[in-house]
Structure formats: C-alpha cells, structure tokens
Amino acid sequence: VRARAVAFYLLVFQGGMAIGALVWGQVAQWAGLSA
C-alpha cells in the first residue's frame, strides 16, 4: 500500500502548498505583504 499512503501524504503536502499560496497571495493583495 506504499504508493497509496504516499499519495495521501502528497495530497496534504502539495495541497497545503497550493492552498497556502492562494491564501497568502490574496492576503498580500488586499492587506499587504507584511500582513
């Protein structure tokens, strides 16, 4: 089951990167880079 369990890890890891990038980009756009 190694590849399937790794897939869940990548889902959390890369998904967190994508969602985090989207959120911080919007925060920087509307509240500023420092915020």
All heavy atoms as atom14 arrays in JSON, in Angstrom:
{
  "sequence": "VRARAVAFYLLVFQGGMAIGALVWGQVAQWAGLSA",
  "atom14_mask": [
    [1, 1, 1, 1, 1, 1, 1, 0, 0, 0, 0, 0, 0, 0],
    [1, 1, 1, 1, 1, 1, 1, 1, 1, 1, 1, 0, 0, 0],
    [1, 1, 1, 1, 1, 0, 0, 0, 0, 0, 0, 0, 0, 0],
    [1, 1, 1, 1, 1, 1, 1, 1, 1, 1, 1, 0, 0, 0],
    [1, 1, 1, 1, 1, 0, 0, 0, 0, 0, 0, 0, 0, 0],
    [1, 1, 1, 1, 1, 1, 1, 0, 0, 0, 0, 0, 0, 0],
    [1, 1, 1, 1, 1, 0, 0, 0, 0, 0, 0, 0, 0, 0],
    [1, 1, 1, 1, 1, 1, 1, 1, 1, 1, 1, 0, 0, 0],
    [1, 1, 1, 1, 1, 1, 1, 1, 1, 1, 1, 1, 0, 0],
    [1, 1, 1, 1, 1, 1, 1, 1, 0, 0, 0, 0, 0, 0],
    [1, 1, 1, 1, 1, 1, 1, 1, 0, 0, 0, 0, 0, 0],
    [1, 1, 1, 1, 1, 1, 1, 0, 0, 0, 0, 0, 0, 0],
    [1, 1, 1, 1, 1, 1, 1, 1, 1, 1, 1, 0, 0, 0],
    [1, 1, 1, 1, 1, 1, 1, 1, 1, 0, 0, 0, 0, 0],
    [1, 1, 1, 1, 0, 0, 0, 0, 0, 0, 0, 0, 0, 0],
    [1, 1, 1, 1, 0, 0, 0, 0, 0, 0, 0, 0, 0, 0],
    [1, 1, 1, 1, 1, 1, 1, 1, 0, 0, 0, 0, 0, 0],
    [1, 1, 1, 1, 1, 0, 0, 0, 0, 0, 0, 0, 0, 0],
    [1, 1, 1, 1, 1, 1, 1, 1, 0, 0, 0, 0, 0, 0],
    [1, 1, 1, 1, 0, 0, 0, 0, 0, 0, 0, 0, 0, 0],
    [1, 1, 1, 1, 1, 0, 0, 0, 0, 0, 0, 0, 0, 0],
    [1, 1, 1, 1, 1, 1, 1, 1, 0, 0, 0, 0, 0, 0],
    [1, 1, 1, 1, 1, 1, 1, 0, 0, 0, 0, 0, 0, 0],
    [1, 1, 1, 1, 1, 1, 1, 1, 1, 1, 1, 1, 1, 1],
    [1, 1, 1, 1, 0, 0, 0, 0, 0, 0, 0, 0, 0, 0],
    [1, 1, 1, 1, 1, 1, 1, 1, 1, 0, 0, 0, 0, 0],
    [1, 1, 1, 1, 1, 1, 1, 0, 0, 0, 0, 0, 0, 0],
    [1, 1, 1, 1, 1, 0, 0, 0, 0, 0, 0, 0, 0, 0],
    [1, 1, 1, 1, 1, 1, 1, 1, 1, 0, 0, 0, 0, 0],
    [1, 1, 1, 1, 1, 1, 1, 1, 1, 1, 1, 1, 1, 1],
    [1, 1, 1, 1, 1, 0, 0, 0, 0, 0, 0, 0, 0, 0],
    [1, 1, 1, 1, 0, 0, 0, 0, 0, 0, 0, 0, 0, 0],
    [1, 1, 1, 1, 1, 1, 1, 1, 0, 0, 0, 0, 0, 0],
    [1, 1, 1, 1, 1, 1, 0, 0, 0, 0, 0, 0, 0, 0],
    [1, 1, 1, 1, 1, 0, 0, 0, 0, 0, 0, 0, 0, 0]
  ],
  "atom14_positions": [
    [[0.83, -1.21, 0.0], [0.0, 0.0, 0.0], [0.86, 1.26, 0.0], [0.37, 2.35, 0.19], [-0.93, -0.02, 1.23], [-0.15, 0.3, 2.53], [-2.13, 0.9, 1.08], [0.0, 0.0, 0.0], [0.0, 0.0, 0.0], [0.0, 0.0, 0.0], [0.0, 0.0, 0.0], [0.0, 0.0, 0.0], [0.0, 0.0, 0.0], [0.0, 0.0, 0.0]],
    [[2.15, 1.11, -0.27], [3.08, 2.23, -0.11], [2.7, 3.44, -0.97], [2.64, 4.57, -0.48], [4.5, 1.78, -0.43], [5.55, 2.9, -0.25], [6.95, 2.39, -0.48], [7.35, 1.51, 0.61], [7.89, 0.3, 0.44], [8.07, -0.17, -0.78], [8.25, -0.42, 1.47], [0.0, 0.0, 0.0], [0.0, 0.0, 0.0], [0.0, 0.0, 0.0]],
    [[2.45, 3.23, -2.25], [2.18, 4.37, -3.13], [0.88, 5.06, -2.75], [0.77, 6.29, -2.83], [2.13, 3.91, -4.59], [0.0, 0.0, 0.0], [0.0, 0.0, 0.0], [0.0, 0.0, 0.0], [0.0, 0.0, 0.0], [0.0, 0.0, 0.0], [0.0, 0.0, 0.0], [0.0, 0.0, 0.0], [0.0, 0.0, 0.0], [0.0, 0.0, 0.0]],
    [[-0.13, 4.29, -2.31], [-1.4, 4.9, -1.93], [-1.24, 5.74, -0.67], [-1.79, 6.84, -0.56], [-2.47, 3.81, -1.74], [-3.07, 3.33, -3.05], [-3.82, 2.03, -2.89], [-2.93, 0.87, -2.87], [-3.32, -0.39, -2.8], [-4.62, -0.67, -2.71], [-2.45, -1.37, -2.82], [0.0, 0.0, 0.0], [0.0, 0.0, 0.0], [0.0, 0.0, 0.0]],
    [[-0.49, 5.25, 0.31], [-0.28, 6.04, 1.52], [0.56, 7.28, 1.22], [0.3, 8.37, 1.75], [0.42, 5.18, 2.59], [0.0, 0.0, 0.0], [0.0, 0.0, 0.0], [0.0, 0.0, 0.0], [0.0, 0.0, 0.0], [0.0, 0.0, 0.0], [0.0, 0.0, 0.0], [0.0, 0.0, 0.0], [0.0, 0.0, 0.0], [0.0, 0.0, 0.0]],
    [[1.58, 7.13, 0.36], [2.37, 8.29, -0.07], [1.48, 9.32, -0.76], [1.66, 10.53, -0.6], [3.52, 7.84, -0.99], [4.13, 9.03, -1.72], [4.6, 7.12, -0.19], [0.0, 0.0, 0.0], [0.0, 0.0, 0.0], [0.0, 0.0, 0.0], [0.0, 0.0, 0.0], [0.0, 0.0, 0.0], [0.0, 0.0, 0.0], [0.0, 0.0, 0.0]],
    [[0.48, 8.83, -1.53], [-0.43, 9.75, -2.21], [-1.19, 10.61, -1.22], [-1.4, 11.81, -1.46], [-1.39, 8.96, -3.09], [0.0, 0.0, 0.0], [0.0, 0.0, 0.0], [0.0, 0.0, 0.0], [0.0, 0.0, 0.0], [0.0, 0.0, 0.0], [0.0, 0.0, 0.0], [0.0, 0.0, 0.0], [0.0, 0.0, 0.0], [0.0, 0.0, 0.0]],
    [[-1.62, 10.03, -0.11], [-2.3, 10.83, 0.91], [-1.35, 11.88, 1.49], [-1.75, 13.03, 1.74], [-2.83, 9.93, 2.03], [-4.16, 9.3, 1.72], [-4.23, 8.04, 1.15], [-5.33, 9.96, 2.0], [-5.45, 7.45, 0.87], [-6.57, 9.39, 1.72], [-6.62, 8.13, 1.15], [0.0, 0.0, 0.0], [0.0, 0.0, 0.0], [0.0, 0.0, 0.0]],
    [[-0.1, 11.5, 1.71], [0.89, 12.45, 2.21], [1.11, 13.59, 1.22], [1.12, 14.77, 1.6], [2.2, 11.71, 2.48], [3.36, 12.6, 2.85], [3.41, 13.23, 4.08], [4.41, 12.81, 1.96], [4.48, 14.05, 4.43], [5.48, 13.63, 2.28], [5.51, 14.24, 3.52], [6.57, 15.05, 3.85], [0.0, 0.0, 0.0], [0.0, 0.0, 0.0]],
    [[1.26, 13.24, -0.07], [1.44, 14.27, -1.08], [0.2, 15.15, -1.22], [0.31, 16.33, -1.51], [1.78, 13.62, -2.42], [3.14, 12.92, -2.5], [3.31, 12.23, -3.85], [4.28, 13.9, -2.26], [0.0, 0.0, 0.0], [0.0, 0.0, 0.0], [0.0, 0.0, 0.0], [0.0, 0.0, 0.0], [0.0, 0.0, 0.0], [0.0, 0.0, 0.0]],
    [[-0.97, 14.54, -1.03], [-2.21, 15.3, -1.08], [-2.21, 16.4, -0.02], [-2.54, 17.56, -0.29], [-3.4, 14.38, -0.89], [-4.8, 15.0, -0.92], [-5.09, 15.58, -2.29], [-5.85, 13.97, -0.54], [0.0, 0.0, 0.0], [0.0, 0.0, 0.0], [0.0, 0.0, 0.0], [0.0, 0.0, 0.0], [0.0, 0.0, 0.0], [0.0, 0.0, 0.0]],
    [[-1.81, 16.03, 1.2], [-1.75, 17.01, 2.28], [-0.63, 18.02, 2.04], [-0.81, 19.23, 2.18], [-1.56, 16.3, 3.64], [-1.31, 17.31, 4.75], [-2.78, 15.45, 3.97], [0.0, 0.0, 0.0], [0.0, 0.0, 0.0], [0.0, 0.0, 0.0], [0.0, 0.0, 0.0], [0.0, 0.0, 0.0], [0.0, 0.0, 0.0], [0.0, 0.0, 0.0]],
    [[0.52, 17.51, 1.62], [1.7, 18.37, 1.48], [1.53, 19.36, 0.33], [1.56, 20.58, 0.51], [2.95, 17.52, 1.27], [4.22, 18.29, 1.3], [4.9, 18.46, 2.49], [4.74, 18.86, 0.15], [6.08, 19.2, 2.53], [5.9, 19.6, 0.18], [6.58, 19.77, 1.37], [0.0, 0.0, 0.0], [0.0, 0.0, 0.0], [0.0, 0.0, 0.0]],
    [[1.32, 18.83, -0.88], [1.21, 19.71, -2.04], [-0.1, 20.5, -2.02], [-0.15, 21.65, -2.46], [1.31, 18.89, -3.33], [2.64, 18.2, -3.52], [3.78, 19.18, -3.81], [3.55, 20.37, -3.97], [4.99, 18.68, -3.86], [0.0, 0.0, 0.0], [0.0, 0.0, 0.0], [0.0, 0.0, 0.0], [0.0, 0.0, 0.0], [0.0, 0.0, 0.0]],
    [[-1.16, 19.87, -1.52], [-2.41, 20.61, -1.38], [-2.26, 21.77, -0.42], [-2.79, 22.87, -0.65], [0.0, 0.0, 0.0], [0.0, 0.0, 0.0], [0.0, 0.0, 0.0], [0.0, 0.0, 0.0], [0.0, 0.0, 0.0], [0.0, 0.0, 0.0], [0.0, 0.0, 0.0], [0.0, 0.0, 0.0], [0.0, 0.0, 0.0], [0.0, 0.0, 0.0]],
    [[-1.54, 21.54, 0.68], [-1.27, 22.62, 1.62], [-0.46, 23.74, 0.99], [-0.68, 24.93, 1.26], [0.0, 0.0, 0.0], [0.0, 0.0, 0.0], [0.0, 0.0, 0.0], [0.0, 0.0, 0.0], [0.0, 0.0, 0.0], [0.0, 0.0, 0.0], [0.0, 0.0, 0.0], [0.0, 0.0, 0.0], [0.0, 0.0, 0.0], [0.0, 0.0, 0.0]],
    [[0.5, 23.35, 0.14], [1.29, 24.36, -0.57], [0.41, 25.19, -1.5], [0.51, 26.43, -1.54], [2.4, 23.68, -1.37], [3.51, 23.09, -0.52], [4.6, 24.35, 0.19], [5.5, 24.88, -1.25], [0.0, 0.0, 0.0], [0.0, 0.0, 0.0], [0.0, 0.0, 0.0], [0.0, 0.0, 0.0], [0.0, 0.0, 0.0], [0.0, 0.0, 0.0]],
    [[-0.47, 24.5, -2.26], [-1.31, 25.21, -3.23], [-2.32, 26.12, -2.52], [-2.48, 27.3, -2.88], [-2.04, 24.21, -4.12], [0.0, 0.0, 0.0], [0.0, 0.0, 0.0], [0.0, 0.0, 0.0], [0.0, 0.0, 0.0], [0.0, 0.0, 0.0], [0.0, 0.0, 0.0], [0.0, 0.0, 0.0], [0.0, 0.0, 0.0], [0.0, 0.0, 0.0]],
    [[-3.0, 25.58, -1.52], [-3.99, 26.37, -0.8], [-3.32, 27.5, -0.03], [-3.8, 28.65, -0.01], [-4.81, 25.47, 0.13], [-5.65, 24.49, -0.7], [-5.72, 26.3, 1.03], [-6.33, 23.42, 0.11], [0.0, 0.0, 0.0], [0.0, 0.0, 0.0], [0.0, 0.0, 0.0], [0.0, 0.0, 0.0], [0.0, 0.0, 0.0], [0.0, 0.0, 0.0]],
    [[-2.19, 27.2, 0.61], [-1.46, 28.23, 1.33], [-1.02, 29.36, 0.41], [-1.15, 30.54, 0.74], [0.0, 0.0, 0.0], [0.0, 0.0, 0.0], [0.0, 0.0, 0.0], [0.0, 0.0, 0.0], [0.0, 0.0, 0.0], [0.0, 0.0, 0.0], [0.0, 0.0, 0.0], [0.0, 0.0, 0.0], [0.0, 0.0, 0.0], [0.0, 0.0, 0.0]],
    [[-0.5, 29.0, -0.78], [-0.05, 30.02, -1.73], [-1.22, 30.9, -2.16], [-1.1, 32.13, -2.26], [0.59, 29.35, -2.95], [0.0, 0.0, 0.0], [0.0, 0.0, 0.0], [0.0, 0.0, 0.0], [0.0, 0.0, 0.0], [0.0, 0.0, 0.0], [0.0, 0.0, 0.0], [0.0, 0.0, 0.0], [0.0, 0.0, 0.0], [0.0, 0.0, 0.0]],
    [[-2.38, 30.26, -2.41], [-3.55, 31.03, -2.82], [-3.99, 32.0, -1.71], [-4.25, 33.18, -1.96], [-4.69, 30.07, -3.17], [-6.01, 30.71, -3.58], [-5.83, 31.52, -4.85], [-7.07, 29.63, -3.79], [0.0, 0.0, 0.0], [0.0, 0.0, 0.0], [0.0, 0.0, 0.0], [0.0, 0.0, 0.0], [0.0, 0.0, 0.0], [0.0, 0.0, 0.0]],
    [[-4.06, 31.5, -0.48], [-4.5, 32.33, 0.64], [-3.53, 33.48, 0.89], [-3.94, 34.65, 1.01], [-4.66, 31.47, 1.91], [-4.86, 32.37, 3.14], [-5.83, 30.52, 1.76], [0.0, 0.0, 0.0], [0.0, 0.0, 0.0], [0.0, 0.0, 0.0], [0.0, 0.0, 0.0], [0.0, 0.0, 0.0], [0.0, 0.0, 0.0], [0.0, 0.0, 0.0]],
    [[-2.23, 33.18, 0.95], [-1.27, 34.25, 1.26], [-1.18, 35.25, 0.12], [-0.95, 36.45, 0.36], [0.1, 33.66, 1.56], [0.1, 32.69, 2.7], [0.6, 31.42, 2.7], [-0.45, 32.9, 4.01], [0.39, 30.81, 3.92], [-0.24, 31.7, 4.75], [-1.09, 33.95, 4.64], [-0.66, 31.54, 6.05], [-1.52, 33.8, 5.95], [-1.29, 32.61, 6.65]],
    [[-1.38, 34.8, -1.12], [-1.4, 35.74, -2.24], [-2.56, 36.72, -2.13], [-2.4, 37.93, -2.37], [0.0, 0.0, 0.0], [0.0, 0.0, 0.0], [0.0, 0.0, 0.0], [0.0, 0.0, 0.0], [0.0, 0.0, 0.0], [0.0, 0.0, 0.0], [0.0, 0.0, 0.0], [0.0, 0.0, 0.0], [0.0, 0.0, 0.0], [0.0, 0.0, 0.0]],
    [[-3.72, 36.2, -1.74], [-4.88, 37.07, -1.59], [-4.7, 38.03, -0.41], [-5.06, 39.21, -0.49], [-6.15, 36.23, -1.4], [-6.53, 35.4, -2.61], [-6.8, 36.26, -3.83], [-7.44, 37.31, -3.75], [-6.3, 35.82, -4.97], [0.0, 0.0, 0.0], [0.0, 0.0, 0.0], [0.0, 0.0, 0.0], [0.0, 0.0, 0.0], [0.0, 0.0, 0.0]],
    [[-4.13, 37.53, 0.69], [-3.88, 38.39, 1.85], [-2.91, 39.51, 1.48], [-3.12, 40.69, 1.82], [-3.34, 37.57, 3.04], [-2.9, 38.49, 4.18], [-4.38, 36.58, 3.54], [0.0, 0.0, 0.0], [0.0, 0.0, 0.0], [0.0, 0.0, 0.0], [0.0, 0.0, 0.0], [0.0, 0.0, 0.0], [0.0, 0.0, 0.0], [0.0, 0.0, 0.0]],
    [[-1.85, 39.15, 0.74], [-0.88, 40.17, 0.33], [-1.51, 41.19, -0.61], [-1.18, 42.38, -0.56], [0.32, 39.49, -0.34], [0.0, 0.0, 0.0], [0.0, 0.0, 0.0], [0.0, 0.0, 0.0], [0.0, 0.0, 0.0], [0.0, 0.0, 0.0], [0.0, 0.0, 0.0], [0.0, 0.0, 0.0], [0.0, 0.0, 0.0], [0.0, 0.0, 0.0]],
    [[-2.42, 40.71, -1.47], [-3.06, 41.61, -2.43], [-3.94, 42.63, -1.73], [-3.96, 43.81, -2.1], [-3.89, 40.78, -3.42], [-4.62, 41.57, -4.48], [-3.7, 42.02, -5.6], [-2.59, 41.54, -5.73], [-4.17, 42.97, -6.42], [0.0, 0.0, 0.0], [0.0, 0.0, 0.0], [0.0, 0.0, 0.0], [0.0, 0.0, 0.0], [0.0, 0.0, 0.0]],
    [[-4.68, 42.19, -0.71], [-5.7, 43.06, -0.11], [-5.28, 43.67, 1.22], [-5.78, 44.73, 1.6], [-7.0, 42.28, 0.08], [-7.55, 41.79, -1.21], [-7.56, 40.5, -1.67], [-8.12, 42.58, -2.25], [-8.11, 40.44, -2.93], [-8.48, 41.71, -3.32], [-8.39, 43.94, -2.4], [-9.06, 42.16, -4.49], [-8.97, 44.39, -3.58], [-9.31, 43.5, -4.61]],
    [[-4.35, 43.04, 1.96], [-3.94, 43.58, 3.25], [-2.47, 43.97, 3.29], [-2.02, 44.56, 4.28], [-4.24, 42.57, 4.37], [0.0, 0.0, 0.0], [0.0, 0.0, 0.0], [0.0, 0.0, 0.0], [0.0, 0.0, 0.0], [0.0, 0.0, 0.0], [0.0, 0.0, 0.0], [0.0, 0.0, 0.0], [0.0, 0.0, 0.0], [0.0, 0.0, 0.0]],
    [[-1.73, 43.59, 2.27], [-0.32, 43.95, 2.22], [0.59, 42.76, 2.46], [0.22, 41.77, 3.1], [0.0, 0.0, 0.0], [0.0, 0.0, 0.0], [0.0, 0.0, 0.0], [0.0, 0.0, 0.0], [0.0, 0.0, 0.0], [0.0, 0.0, 0.0], [0.0, 0.0, 0.0], [0.0, 0.0, 0.0], [0.0, 0.0, 0.0], [0.0, 0.0, 0.0]],
    [[1.81, 42.88, 1.94], [2.8, 41.8, 2.04], [3.15, 41.5, 3.5], [3.27, 40.34, 3.91], [4.06, 42.2, 1.26], [5.22, 41.21, 1.25], [4.8, 39.87, 0.65], [6.4, 41.8, 0.48], [0.0, 0.0, 0.0], [0.0, 0.0, 0.0], [0.0, 0.0, 0.0], [0.0, 0.0, 0.0], [0.0, 0.0, 0.0], [0.0, 0.0, 0.0]],
    [[3.3, 42.55, 4.3], [3.67, 42.36, 5.7], [2.62, 41.56, 6.46], [2.94, 40.66, 7.24], [3.88, 43.71, 6.38], [4.23, 43.55, 7.74], [0.0, 0.0, 0.0], [0.0, 0.0, 0.0], [0.0, 0.0, 0.0], [0.0, 0.0, 0.0], [0.0, 0.0, 0.0], [0.0, 0.0, 0.0], [0.0, 0.0, 0.0], [0.0, 0.0, 0.0]],
    [[1.35, 41.85, 6.23], [0.27, 41.12, 6.91], [0.31, 39.63, 6.57], [0.08, 38.78, 7.43], [-1.09, 41.71, 6.54], [0.0, 0.0, 0.0], [0.0, 0.0, 0.0], [0.0, 0.0, 0.0], [0.0, 0.0, 0.0], [0.0, 0.0, 0.0], [0.0, 0.0, 0.0], [0.0, 0.0, 0.0], [0.0, 0.0, 0.0], [0.0, 0.0, 0.0]]
  ]
}
